[in-house]
């Protein structure tokens, strides 16, 4: 046990009064700066628990009860399942590689290789990944979709098993970037085939227009009511295009993959061709292949999206900084003015949430989404022009900081193209190394030339490290309150509506398997907590070595 943990245990034993009476020198020792060896010991014990007790064949879900009787990804998982979607298996691989870089301990590299085994096993033949994988086999996975997935009312993406891969929620991008990192670490040729398949998946799935569908290979077998299957639509939602561009750019600069350059340029140009003309020069969440705005899930109506418009404006500024081409700036002022024009009146805004999530195409009116019923069988979502009674899981009003976007635009236009592209990974004549650390901050295109660690969010990093050393329990994990839980699957949801108001709750009746925040959270194990805490310890180690 590290000295700071022994001291903390001793204080608990002698009680509060005894602690007050301790000599000042002993008190100072309690808050002494942890040594690198102490921090490494904490990291190693926590990692051994995750690798040797929690992992299933190298993979992970998101959270577990201490006795492993229940476990969850975005939904409740079976014990043969792993989750690809962050913060699941691939994100655990990233933190193992980060720990390897910070410590040089081969144990972490071996842990990352175990993750790679699970990731490669879960890779779809086309080269991408689904949200989750099941070592129990195809029949087990299909059964999960037809029971737990189908009855998660608000998580419609799990209502149907497509049998293909998805770009949604960053799972494919996270897994692909992890394989790129692992291959690049020691150039081990056994990881190159899976990496090449991932690269080909991103290239093969790209439309001629430059955009990407949500799922691939394309399927059209799950229309809803009068709406077509949305998974083939060109998608900006959940950063699909941004994540794919980042991955391809990393491959271009690190591997010298010339085959990705033209698709990269085409993808950046897709942000230009999907911006609507006047009088509504914004962007939608999804588009048909004819570049018309389209809806998706039943609470995502055909509309324009102020939040997506803001995100895409930020991306255009990044593209200008990478290329020096002013075409990426040319129509940004139109988009900014449109965002100002659709800002909600003060009476309709809520706190700092300023803009509608959805703006009707043509009329420019704000659209509001609601639901009625009690479960996936009898429930339905609907759209109107009436604010209030909004969905709690998908807000109808969002915060958009237009002033900040105008400042970014002003800063970009103040620089000449030849100046702005200096250091651009797209323009560099030599390979650009990958960042050494992926879990210490957001890593994207603009980070490829940045070697400095992101600033710490902790006011006192040393105190945070001491706290983490003290809170690691004897079993080797950080106990956390699992704020979200789910109803166990209990059979097909009935057509009769259960009494009660479920219009603005995360979960419906007892047949709804959607996650919800509980008033009585169980204490358990969390991959998200492990990743977050390891990133603090890694940051401390790296800073102490500088």
Protein backbone atom coordinates (compact mmCIF):
# COMPACT_ATOMS: atom_id res chain seq x y z
CA UNK A 1 0.00 0.00 0.00
CA UNK A 2 1.44 3.45 -0.95
CA UNK A 3 2.52 5.66 1.99
CA UNK A 4 -0.19 8.27 1.37
CA UNK A 5 -2.82 5.53 1.52
CA UNK A 6 -1.32 4.12 4.77
CA UNK A 7 -1.42 7.59 6.34
CA UNK A 8 -5.04 8.09 5.29
CA UNK A 9 -6.01 4.70 6.78
CA UNK A 10 -4.23 5.59 10.03
CA UNK A 11 -6.14 8.85 10.36
CA UNK A 12 -9.44 7.06 9.90
CA UNK A 13 -8.39 4.65 12.65
CA UNK A 14 -7.48 7.27 15.29
CA UNK A 15 -10.46 9.48 14.57
CA UNK A 16 -10.99 13.17 13.95
CA UNK A 17 -9.66 14.46 17.31
CA UNK A 18 -6.54 12.37 17.04
CA UNK A 19 -5.87 13.74 13.60
CA UNK A 20 -6.12 17.31 14.87
CA UNK A 21 -3.56 16.59 17.57
CA UNK A 22 -1.02 15.04 15.21
CA UNK A 23 2.24 17.02 14.93
CA UNK A 24 2.31 19.51 12.12
CA UNK A 25 5.12 17.66 10.44
CA UNK A 26 2.99 14.51 10.22
CA UNK A 27 0.10 16.55 8.88
CA UNK A 28 2.35 17.91 6.18
CA UNK A 29 3.32 14.37 5.24
CA UNK A 30 -0.31 13.56 4.54
CA UNK A 31 -0.32 16.04 1.69
CA UNK A 32 3.23 15.37 0.56
CA UNK A 33 3.61 15.21 -3.18
CA UNK A 34 3.14 11.59 -4.28
CA UNK A 35 6.20 9.92 -5.75
CA UNK A 36 6.20 8.48 -9.26
CA UNK A 37 6.51 4.98 -7.82
CA UNK A 38 3.38 5.49 -5.71
CA UNK A 39 1.42 6.72 -8.69
CA UNK A 40 2.65 3.85 -10.85
CA UNK A 41 1.62 1.40 -8.13
CA UNK A 42 -1.91 2.83 -8.06
CA UNK A 43 -2.15 2.68 -11.84
CA UNK A 44 -0.89 -0.89 -11.96
CA UNK A 45 -3.25 -2.20 -9.28
CA UNK A 46 -6.24 -0.54 -10.93
CA UNK A 47 -5.24 -1.88 -14.34
CA UNK A 48 -4.64 -5.43 -13.10
CA UNK A 49 -8.18 -5.48 -11.77
CA UNK A 50 -9.65 -4.28 -15.05
CA UNK A 51 -7.56 -6.64 -17.18
CA UNK A 52 -7.70 -9.73 -14.98
CA UNK A 53 -11.13 -9.42 -13.33
CA UNK A 54 -13.34 -7.23 -15.52
CA UNK A 55 -12.27 -7.86 -19.10
CA UNK A 56 -14.08 -10.48 -21.17
CA UNK A 57 -11.69 -11.87 -23.77
CA UNK A 58 -10.00 -8.46 -23.99
CA UNK A 59 -13.23 -6.45 -24.22
CA UNK A 60 -15.25 -4.27 -21.88
CA UNK A 61 -18.68 -2.74 -21.45
CA UNK A 62 -19.31 0.51 -19.53
CA UNK A 63 -20.29 -0.47 -16.00
CA UNK A 64 -20.70 -3.49 -13.75
CA UNK A 65 -22.13 -4.43 -10.39
CA UNK A 66 -19.32 -5.60 -8.05
CA UNK A 67 -20.49 -9.23 -8.27
CA UNK A 68 -20.84 -8.94 -12.08
CA UNK A 69 -24.47 -10.07 -11.87
CA UNK A 70 -25.46 -7.15 -14.12
CA UNK A 71 -23.50 -5.05 -16.57
CA UNK A 72 -24.27 -2.26 -19.02
CA UNK A 73 -23.12 -0.55 -22.14
CA UNK A 74 -25.60 1.99 -23.41
CA UNK A 75 -28.15 -0.71 -22.56
CA UNK A 76 -27.94 -3.73 -20.30
CA UNK A 77 -25.46 -6.23 -21.73
CA UNK A 78 -25.03 -9.97 -21.39
CA UNK A 79 -21.88 -11.41 -19.90
CA UNK A 80 -20.64 -12.53 -23.32
CA UNK A 81 -20.88 -9.00 -24.75
CA UNK A 82 -18.39 -6.18 -25.21
CA UNK A 83 -19.13 -2.57 -26.14
CA UNK A 84 -17.21 -0.85 -28.95
CA UNK A 85 -18.93 2.51 -28.53
CA UNK A 86 -16.93 4.85 -26.20
CA UNK A 87 -16.10 4.61 -23.36
CA UNK A 88 -15.91 0.90 -24.07
CA UNK A 89 -13.33 -1.48 -25.44
CA UNK A 90 -11.40 0.74 -27.85
CA UNK A 91 -11.20 3.62 -25.35
CA UNK A 92 -9.75 1.19 -22.81
CA UNK A 93 -7.13 0.31 -25.42
CA UNK A 94 -6.27 3.99 -25.81
CA UNK A 95 -5.73 4.46 -22.07
CA UNK A 96 -3.54 1.35 -21.93
CA UNK A 97 -1.34 2.81 -24.67
CA UNK A 98 -1.26 6.15 -22.85
CA UNK A 99 -0.15 4.38 -19.67
CA UNK A 100 2.50 2.51 -21.66
CA UNK A 101 3.89 5.78 -22.95
CA UNK A 102 3.91 7.34 -19.48
CA UNK A 103 5.52 4.38 -17.69
CA UNK A 104 7.33 2.25 -20.27
CA UNK A 105 5.77 -0.77 -18.56
CA UNK A 106 5.17 -3.55 -21.06
CA UNK A 107 2.19 -4.76 -19.01
CA UNK A 108 0.15 -1.93 -20.49
CA UNK A 109 1.21 -2.78 -24.03
CA UNK A 110 0.17 -6.38 -23.40
CA UNK A 111 -3.20 -5.11 -22.10
CA UNK A 112 -3.60 -3.06 -25.29
CA UNK A 113 -2.88 -6.16 -27.35
CA UNK A 114 -5.64 -8.01 -25.53
CA UNK A 115 -8.00 -5.19 -26.47
CA UNK A 116 -6.81 -5.46 -30.07
CA UNK A 117 -7.73 -9.14 -30.07
CA UNK A 118 -11.29 -8.28 -29.04
CA UNK A 119 -11.51 -5.40 -31.49
CA UNK A 120 -10.32 -7.52 -34.40
CA UNK A 121 -12.70 -10.35 -33.46
CA UNK A 122 -15.58 -7.85 -33.41
CA UNK A 123 -14.65 -6.23 -36.73
CA UNK A 124 -17.36 -6.64 -39.36
CA UNK A 125 -16.20 -8.34 -42.59
CA UNK A 126 -16.67 -4.96 -44.31
CA UNK A 127 -14.08 -3.41 -41.96
CA UNK A 128 -16.18 -1.35 -39.54
CA UNK A 129 -17.81 -2.08 -36.18
CA UNK A 130 -21.26 -2.21 -34.65
CA UNK A 131 -22.02 -0.58 -31.29
CA UNK A 132 -21.39 -3.89 -29.55
CA UNK A 133 -20.26 -7.45 -30.18
CA UNK A 134 -21.27 -10.76 -28.64
CA UNK A 135 -18.83 -13.62 -28.13
CA UNK A 136 -21.92 -15.74 -27.57
CA UNK A 137 -22.44 -15.74 -31.33
CA UNK A 138 -24.86 -14.40 -33.92
CA UNK A 139 -27.93 -16.11 -32.45
CA UNK A 140 -27.24 -14.61 -29.03
CA UNK A 141 -26.80 -11.13 -30.50
CA UNK A 142 -30.00 -11.38 -32.53
CA UNK A 143 -31.88 -12.50 -29.43
CA UNK A 144 -30.53 -9.51 -27.48
CA UNK A 145 -31.74 -7.13 -30.19
CA UNK A 146 -35.19 -8.74 -30.26
CA UNK A 147 -35.60 -8.45 -26.49
CA UNK A 148 -33.56 -5.81 -24.67
CA UNK A 149 -32.77 -3.70 -27.72
CA UNK A 150 -36.26 -3.75 -29.17
CA UNK A 151 -37.84 -2.63 -25.90
CA UNK A 152 -35.58 0.37 -25.26
CA UNK A 153 -38.23 2.91 -26.21
CA UNK A 154 -36.05 5.97 -26.70
CA UNK A 155 -33.03 4.17 -28.20
CA UNK A 156 -34.46 3.40 -31.61
CA UNK A 157 -31.05 2.59 -33.08
CA UNK A 158 -31.21 -0.69 -31.13
CA UNK A 159 -34.71 -1.67 -32.24
CA UNK A 160 -33.50 -3.54 -35.31
CA UNK A 161 -30.49 -5.76 -35.96
CA UNK A 162 -28.98 -4.75 -39.31
CA UNK A 163 -25.99 -7.09 -39.27
CA UNK A 164 -23.70 -4.36 -40.61
CA UNK A 165 -21.42 -1.69 -39.08
CA UNK A 166 -22.07 1.88 -37.94
CA UNK A 167 -20.31 5.24 -37.78
CA UNK A 168 -22.75 6.39 -35.10
CA UNK A 169 -21.43 7.47 -31.69
CA UNK A 170 -17.77 7.19 -32.70
CA UNK A 171 -17.39 3.43 -32.23
CA UNK A 172 -15.85 2.67 -35.62
CA UNK A 173 -13.61 5.74 -35.50
CA UNK A 174 -12.44 4.95 -31.96
CA UNK A 175 -11.60 1.35 -32.86
CA UNK A 176 -9.88 2.33 -36.11
CA UNK A 177 -7.74 4.98 -34.44
CA UNK A 178 -6.76 2.51 -31.73
CA UNK A 179 -5.59 -0.02 -34.33
CA UNK A 180 -3.64 2.74 -36.07
CA UNK A 181 -1.93 3.66 -32.80
CA UNK A 182 -1.14 0.07 -31.90
CA UNK A 183 0.28 -0.73 -35.33
CA UNK A 184 2.32 2.46 -35.36
CA UNK A 185 3.74 1.72 -31.89
CA UNK A 186 5.98 -1.20 -32.94
CA UNK A 187 4.99 -1.72 -36.58
CA UNK A 188 3.83 -5.21 -35.70
CA UNK A 189 2.61 -6.62 -39.04
CA UNK A 190 -0.14 -8.71 -37.45
CA UNK A 191 -2.21 -5.56 -36.91
CA UNK A 192 -1.87 -4.18 -40.43
CA UNK A 193 -4.59 -6.32 -42.10
CA UNK A 194 -7.29 -5.19 -39.63
CA UNK A 195 -6.12 -1.60 -39.97
CA UNK A 196 -6.22 -1.80 -43.76
CA UNK A 197 -9.75 -3.21 -43.56
CA UNK A 198 -10.80 -0.26 -41.39
CA UNK A 199 -9.31 2.22 -43.85
CA UNK A 200 -11.04 0.48 -46.75
CA UNK A 201 -14.32 0.54 -44.85
CA UNK A 202 -14.18 4.33 -44.51
CA UNK A 203 -13.27 4.72 -48.19
CA UNK A 204 -15.75 2.17 -49.54
CA UNK A 205 -18.65 3.63 -47.58
CA UNK A 206 -18.09 7.21 -48.73
CA UNK A 207 -20.62 8.60 -51.21
CA UNK A 208 -19.38 10.33 -54.38
CA UNK A 209 -20.58 13.59 -52.83
CA UNK A 210 -18.04 13.13 -50.02
CA UNK A 211 -20.43 12.32 -47.17
CA UNK A 212 -20.94 9.08 -45.28
CA UNK A 213 -24.04 7.08 -44.34
CA UNK A 214 -24.71 6.24 -40.73
CA UNK A 215 -24.42 2.49 -41.37
CA UNK A 216 -22.64 0.40 -44.01
CA UNK A 217 -22.96 -1.82 -46.02
CA UNK A 218 -26.18 -0.07 -46.94
CA UNK A 219 -29.44 -1.53 -45.71
CA UNK A 220 -32.97 -0.30 -46.37
CA UNK A 221 -34.92 -2.91 -44.43
CA UNK A 222 -36.29 -0.97 -41.45
CA UNK A 223 -38.62 1.87 -42.51
CA UNK A 224 -40.82 3.39 -39.79
CA UNK A 225 -44.41 4.35 -40.59
CA UNK A 226 -44.21 6.70 -43.57
CA UNK A 227 -40.46 7.32 -43.20
CA UNK A 228 -37.73 5.47 -45.14
CA UNK A 229 -34.88 3.70 -43.38
CA UNK A 230 -32.60 6.59 -42.42
CA UNK A 231 -29.33 4.68 -41.93
CA UNK A 232 -28.28 5.17 -45.57
CA UNK A 233 -28.62 8.96 -45.37
CA UNK A 234 -25.57 11.22 -45.46
CA UNK A 235 -24.95 11.95 -41.78
CA UNK A 236 -23.41 14.79 -39.81
CA UNK A 237 -25.06 13.79 -36.54
CA UNK A 238 -22.66 12.61 -33.81
CA UNK A 239 -19.63 13.89 -35.75
CA UNK A 240 -19.69 11.09 -38.34
CA UNK A 241 -17.96 13.15 -41.03
CA UNK A 242 -15.56 14.87 -38.62
CA UNK A 243 -14.41 11.59 -37.07
CA UNK A 244 -13.83 9.97 -40.46
CA UNK A 245 -11.87 12.96 -41.70
CA UNK A 246 -9.69 12.87 -38.58
CA UNK A 247 -8.98 9.17 -39.01
CA UNK A 248 -8.13 9.47 -42.71
CA UNK A 249 -5.89 12.45 -42.05
CA UNK A 250 -4.02 10.48 -39.39
CA UNK A 251 -3.54 7.64 -41.86
CA UNK A 252 -2.35 10.06 -44.54
CA UNK A 253 0.26 11.65 -42.33
CA UNK A 254 1.41 8.67 -40.26
CA UNK A 255 1.28 5.89 -42.85
CA UNK A 256 1.75 7.95 -46.01
CA UNK A 257 -1.52 6.53 -47.34
CA UNK A 258 -1.91 8.37 -50.63
CA UNK A 259 -5.21 6.66 -51.42
CA UNK A 260 -6.96 8.68 -48.70
CA UNK A 261 -6.04 12.17 -49.95
CA UNK A 262 -8.73 12.54 -52.60
CA UNK A 263 -11.46 11.17 -50.29
CA UNK A 264 -10.28 13.64 -47.63
CA UNK A 265 -10.66 16.57 -50.00
CA UNK A 266 -14.04 15.28 -51.17
CA UNK A 267 -15.21 14.95 -47.57
CA UNK A 268 -14.24 18.54 -46.76
CA UNK A 269 -15.99 19.78 -49.88
CA UNK A 270 -19.16 17.95 -48.78
CA UNK A 271 -19.51 20.52 -46.00
CA UNK A 272 -19.80 23.18 -48.72
CA UNK A 273 -22.29 21.39 -50.95
CA UNK A 274 -24.64 20.48 -48.10
CA UNK A 275 -25.06 24.05 -46.86
CA UNK A 276 -28.46 25.20 -48.03
CA UNK A 277 -28.94 28.35 -50.06
CA UNK A 278 -30.78 31.47 -49.00
CA UNK A 279 -33.00 32.09 -47.14
CA UNK A 280 -31.92 29.16 -44.90
CA UNK A 281 -28.15 28.76 -45.29
CA UNK A 282 -27.74 26.23 -42.50
CA UNK A 283 -27.14 22.48 -42.33
CA UNK A 284 -29.28 19.47 -41.48
CA UNK A 285 -28.40 16.43 -39.37
CA UNK A 286 -28.93 14.10 -42.35
CA UNK A 287 -29.37 14.33 -46.11
CA UNK A 288 -30.67 12.12 -48.87
CA UNK A 289 -28.20 11.24 -51.61
CA UNK A 290 -29.84 14.07 -53.57
CA UNK A 291 -28.56 16.40 -50.80
CA UNK A 292 -32.01 17.18 -49.44
CA UNK A 293 -32.49 17.48 -45.64
CA UNK A 294 -33.90 14.30 -44.15
CA UNK A 295 -35.20 13.02 -40.84
CA UNK A 296 -33.83 10.07 -38.87
CA UNK A 297 -35.19 8.65 -35.62
CA UNK A 298 -38.83 9.46 -34.94
CA UNK A 299 -37.82 12.35 -32.67
CA UNK A 300 -35.45 13.75 -35.32
CA UNK A 301 -37.76 15.33 -37.92
CA UNK A 302 -36.69 16.57 -41.32
CA UNK A 303 -35.33 19.99 -40.46
CA UNK A 304 -32.30 22.24 -40.25
CA UNK A 305 -30.13 22.03 -37.15
CA UNK A 306 -28.61 25.15 -35.55
CA UNK A 307 -26.28 22.97 -33.44
CA UNK A 308 -25.03 21.10 -36.51
CA UNK A 309 -24.67 24.41 -38.33
CA UNK A 310 -22.44 25.69 -35.53
CA UNK A 311 -20.37 22.48 -35.57
CA UNK A 312 -19.95 22.62 -39.34
CA UNK A 313 -18.87 26.25 -39.24
CA UNK A 314 -16.13 25.25 -36.79
CA UNK A 315 -15.11 22.47 -39.16
CA UNK A 316 -14.94 24.84 -42.13
CA UNK A 317 -12.60 27.10 -40.18
CA UNK A 318 -10.40 24.07 -39.42
CA UNK A 319 -10.41 23.12 -43.11
CA UNK A 320 -9.26 26.62 -44.01
CA UNK A 321 -6.44 26.33 -41.50
CA UNK A 322 -5.43 23.01 -43.08
CA UNK A 323 -5.68 24.06 -46.72
CA UNK A 324 -5.52 27.84 -46.92
CA UNK A 325 -8.44 27.70 -49.36
CA UNK A 326 -10.79 30.62 -48.82
CA UNK A 327 -13.74 28.72 -50.28
CA UNK A 328 -14.16 27.19 -46.82
CA UNK A 329 -14.72 30.66 -45.37
CA UNK A 330 -16.81 32.16 -48.16
CA UNK A 331 -20.31 31.34 -46.90
CA UNK A 332 -19.66 31.23 -43.16
CA UNK A 333 -21.08 34.77 -42.69
CA UNK A 334 -24.38 33.58 -44.18
CA UNK A 335 -24.49 30.72 -41.73
CA UNK A 336 -23.73 32.99 -38.79
CA UNK A 337 -26.44 35.44 -39.79
CA UNK A 338 -28.91 32.58 -40.15
CA UNK A 339 -28.06 31.37 -36.64
CA UNK A 340 -28.80 34.84 -35.32
CA UNK A 341 -32.10 34.89 -37.22
CA UNK A 342 -33.37 31.64 -35.66
CA UNK A 343 -32.36 32.48 -32.10
CA UNK A 344 -35.37 31.98 -29.85
CA UNK A 345 -37.18 34.94 -28.30
CA UNK A 346 -36.12 35.48 -24.70
CA UNK A 347 -39.49 34.18 -23.46
CA UNK A 348 -38.90 30.80 -25.14
CA UNK A 349 -35.21 30.37 -24.24
CA UNK A 350 -34.37 28.28 -21.17
CA UNK A 351 -31.32 29.37 -19.20
CA UNK A 352 -28.38 29.53 -21.60
CA UNK A 353 -30.18 27.38 -24.17
CA UNK A 354 -30.74 29.82 -26.98
CA UNK A 355 -31.66 28.00 -30.18
CA UNK A 356 -34.19 25.40 -31.27
CA UNK A 357 -32.81 21.94 -31.93
CA UNK A 358 -34.89 21.72 -35.11
CA UNK A 359 -35.91 24.46 -37.56
CA UNK A 360 -38.56 23.63 -40.11
CA UNK A 361 -37.38 23.65 -43.71
CA UNK A 362 -39.20 26.37 -45.62
CA UNK A 363 -41.04 28.17 -42.83
CA UNK A 364 -38.09 28.68 -40.48
CA UNK A 365 -40.32 27.86 -37.50
CA UNK A 366 -38.97 26.12 -34.42
CA UNK A 367 -40.07 22.50 -34.11
CA UNK A 368 -40.62 20.80 -30.76
CA UNK A 369 -40.60 17.07 -30.15
CA UNK A 370 -42.76 15.26 -27.58
CA UNK A 371 -43.91 11.75 -26.81
CA UNK A 372 -46.95 9.90 -25.52
CA UNK A 373 -47.58 6.35 -24.40
CA UNK A 374 -45.53 4.25 -21.98
CA UNK A 375 -43.27 1.85 -23.87
CA UNK A 376 -41.84 0.84 -27.25
CA UNK A 377 -45.03 -0.97 -28.27
CA UNK A 378 -47.65 1.69 -27.56
CA UNK A 379 -45.53 4.82 -27.39
CA UNK A 380 -44.90 7.35 -30.14
CA UNK A 381 -43.02 10.59 -30.70
CA UNK A 382 -44.61 13.56 -32.40
CA UNK A 383 -43.63 17.05 -33.53
CA UNK A 384 -45.42 20.39 -33.28
CA UNK A 385 -44.76 24.10 -32.87
CA UNK A 386 -45.54 24.17 -29.15
CA UNK A 387 -42.70 24.68 -26.66
CA UNK A 388 -42.87 23.03 -23.27
CA UNK A 389 -43.23 19.45 -22.09
CA UNK A 390 -39.98 18.72 -23.92
CA UNK A 391 -38.19 15.40 -24.05
CA UNK A 392 -35.64 15.05 -21.30
CA UNK A 393 -33.42 12.75 -23.34
CA UNK A 394 -33.40 14.90 -26.48
CA UNK A 395 -33.87 18.56 -25.71
CA UNK A 396 -35.78 20.76 -28.13
CA UNK A 397 -33.63 23.77 -27.22
CA UNK A 398 -29.80 23.93 -27.37
CA UNK A 399 -27.06 26.40 -26.55
CA UNK A 400 -25.31 27.90 -29.58
CA UNK A 401 -22.62 30.54 -28.98
CA UNK A 402 -22.75 32.60 -32.17
CA UNK A 403 -20.49 35.33 -30.77
CA UNK A 404 -17.75 32.77 -30.18
CA UNK A 405 -18.10 31.48 -33.73
CA UNK A 406 -17.81 35.03 -35.06
CA UNK A 407 -14.60 35.45 -33.08
CA UNK A 408 -13.15 32.24 -34.53
CA UNK A 409 -14.08 33.42 -38.01
CA UNK A 410 -12.50 36.82 -37.41
CA UNK A 411 -9.27 35.22 -36.20
CA UNK A 412 -9.13 32.93 -39.22
CA UNK A 413 -9.72 35.71 -41.77
CA UNK A 414 -7.04 37.88 -40.16
CA UNK A 415 -4.35 35.43 -41.29
CA UNK A 416 -3.12 35.07 -44.86
CA UNK A 417 -3.50 31.61 -46.40
CA UNK A 418 0.25 31.03 -46.56
CA UNK A 419 0.49 31.76 -42.85
CA UNK A 420 -2.50 29.78 -41.73
CA UNK A 421 -1.34 26.52 -43.33
CA UNK A 422 2.03 26.57 -41.59
CA UNK A 423 2.31 23.24 -39.80
CA UNK A 424 -0.83 21.86 -41.45
CA UNK A 425 -0.75 18.04 -41.41
CA UNK A 426 -2.32 18.08 -44.87
CA UNK A 427 0.45 20.28 -46.28
CA UNK A 428 3.42 18.76 -44.45
CA UNK A 429 6.08 17.10 -46.63
CA UNK A 430 7.15 14.77 -43.82
CA UNK A 431 5.27 12.37 -41.60
CA UNK A 432 3.50 13.86 -38.61
CA UNK A 433 3.68 11.70 -35.52
CA UNK A 434 0.55 10.71 -33.68
CA UNK A 435 -0.02 12.37 -30.32
CA UNK A 436 1.46 10.25 -27.53
CA UNK A 437 -1.66 10.60 -25.40
CA UNK A 438 -5.26 10.20 -26.55
CA UNK A 439 -7.21 10.14 -23.27
CA UNK A 440 -5.87 13.36 -21.74
CA UNK A 441 -7.92 15.62 -23.98
CA UNK A 442 -9.74 15.71 -27.31
CA UNK A 443 -7.51 14.50 -30.13
CA UNK A 444 -8.42 15.54 -33.65
CA UNK A 445 -6.96 16.96 -36.84
CA UNK A 446 -5.72 20.14 -35.21
CA UNK A 447 -3.94 18.23 -32.43
CA UNK A 448 -1.59 16.34 -34.71
CA UNK A 449 1.07 19.03 -34.49
CA UNK A 450 0.59 19.68 -30.79
CA UNK A 451 2.92 17.90 -28.40
CA UNK A 452 2.06 19.81 -25.21
CA UNK A 453 -0.35 18.19 -22.78
CA UNK A 454 -3.78 19.79 -22.50
CA UNK A 455 -4.17 21.88 -19.34
CA UNK A 456 -5.27 20.05 -16.22
CA UNK A 457 -8.87 20.58 -15.15
CA UNK A 458 -7.89 19.99 -11.53
CA UNK A 459 -7.11 22.99 -9.34
CA UNK A 460 -4.54 20.91 -7.54
CA UNK A 461 -3.29 17.93 -9.48
CA UNK A 462 -1.30 16.60 -6.53
CA UNK A 463 -4.33 16.55 -4.26
CA UNK A 464 -6.33 14.80 -6.96
CA UNK A 465 -3.64 12.13 -7.28
CA UNK A 466 -3.60 11.62 -3.49
CA UNK A 467 -7.38 11.31 -3.49
CA UNK A 468 -7.31 8.69 -6.22
CA UNK A 469 -4.68 6.69 -4.36
CA UNK A 470 -6.82 6.74 -1.22
CA UNK A 471 -10.07 5.86 -2.99
CA UNK A 472 -8.77 2.81 -4.85
CA UNK A 473 -10.26 -0.04 -2.82
CA UNK A 474 -8.63 -3.28 -1.72
CA UNK A 475 -10.02 -5.18 -4.69
CA UNK A 476 -8.29 -2.73 -7.01
CA UNK A 477 -11.06 -0.56 -8.45
CA UNK A 478 -12.51 2.88 -7.81
CA UNK A 479 -16.06 2.38 -6.46
CA UNK A 480 -18.52 4.74 -8.11
CA UNK A 481 -22.23 5.37 -7.85
CA UNK A 482 -23.84 3.96 -10.97
CA UNK A 483 -26.34 6.76 -11.45
CA UNK A 484 -28.02 5.10 -14.41
CA UNK A 485 -29.71 1.72 -14.41
CA UNK A 486 -32.30 -0.13 -16.48
CA UNK A 487 -35.39 -2.24 -15.96
CA UNK A 488 -34.56 -5.91 -16.52
CA UNK A 489 -36.19 -7.33 -19.64
CA UNK A 490 -39.52 -8.87 -18.63
CA UNK A 491 -41.09 -9.81 -21.94
CA UNK A 492 -42.82 -8.13 -24.84
CA UNK A 493 -44.20 -4.71 -23.91
CA UNK A 494 -48.02 -4.61 -23.87
CA UNK A 495 -50.12 -2.54 -26.24
CA UNK A 496 -52.11 -1.14 -23.31
CA UNK A 497 -50.71 2.14 -22.01
CA UNK A 498 -49.57 2.02 -18.39
CA UNK A 499 -51.11 4.83 -16.29
CA UNK A 500 -48.74 7.70 -15.63
CA UNK A 501 -46.98 10.53 -17.42
CA UNK A 502 -43.86 9.38 -19.28
CA UNK A 503 -43.68 12.31 -21.68
CA UNK A 504 -40.55 13.84 -20.17
CA UNK A 505 -38.84 10.96 -18.41
CA UNK A 506 -35.83 8.89 -19.49
CA UNK A 507 -37.79 5.67 -19.10
CA UNK A 508 -41.37 4.62 -19.60
CA UNK A 509 -43.11 1.80 -17.76
CA UNK A 510 -41.56 -1.38 -16.35
CA UNK A 511 -41.26 -2.93 -19.82
CA UNK A 512 -39.04 -0.11 -21.09
CA UNK A 513 -35.37 -1.19 -21.06
CA UNK A 514 -34.01 2.34 -21.66
CA UNK A 515 -31.44 3.61 -19.13
CA UNK A 516 -32.64 6.09 -16.53
CA UNK A 517 -31.22 7.97 -13.57
CA UNK A 518 -32.07 6.21 -10.33
CA UNK A 519 -32.66 7.76 -6.91
CA UNK A 520 -30.90 4.81 -5.28
CA UNK A 521 -27.73 4.16 -7.30
CA UNK A 522 -25.75 0.99 -6.70
CA UNK A 523 -22.03 1.20 -6.15
CA UNK A 524 -20.11 -0.49 -8.90
CA UNK A 525 -17.28 -0.55 -11.44
CA UNK A 526 -17.07 1.93 -14.30
CA UNK A 527 -14.78 1.92 -17.31
CA UNK A 528 -15.47 5.65 -17.68
CA UNK A 529 -14.25 6.28 -14.12
CA UNK A 530 -11.19 4.11 -14.68
CA UNK A 531 -10.31 6.00 -17.89
CA UNK A 532 -10.86 9.39 -16.26
CA UNK A 533 -8.83 8.53 -13.16
CA UNK A 534 -6.00 6.95 -15.14
CA UNK A 535 -5.79 10.07 -17.28
CA UNK A 536 -5.24 12.15 -14.12
CA UNK A 537 -2.48 9.83 -12.92
CA UNK A 538 -0.87 9.73 -16.36
CA UNK A 539 -0.97 13.51 -16.57
CA UNK A 540 0.75 13.73 -13.20
CA UNK A 541 3.47 11.30 -14.24
CA UNK A 542 4.16 13.06 -17.51
CA UNK A 543 4.29 16.49 -15.89
CA UNK A 544 6.69 15.19 -13.23
CA UNK A 545 9.00 13.98 -15.99
CA UNK A 546 9.09 17.33 -17.80
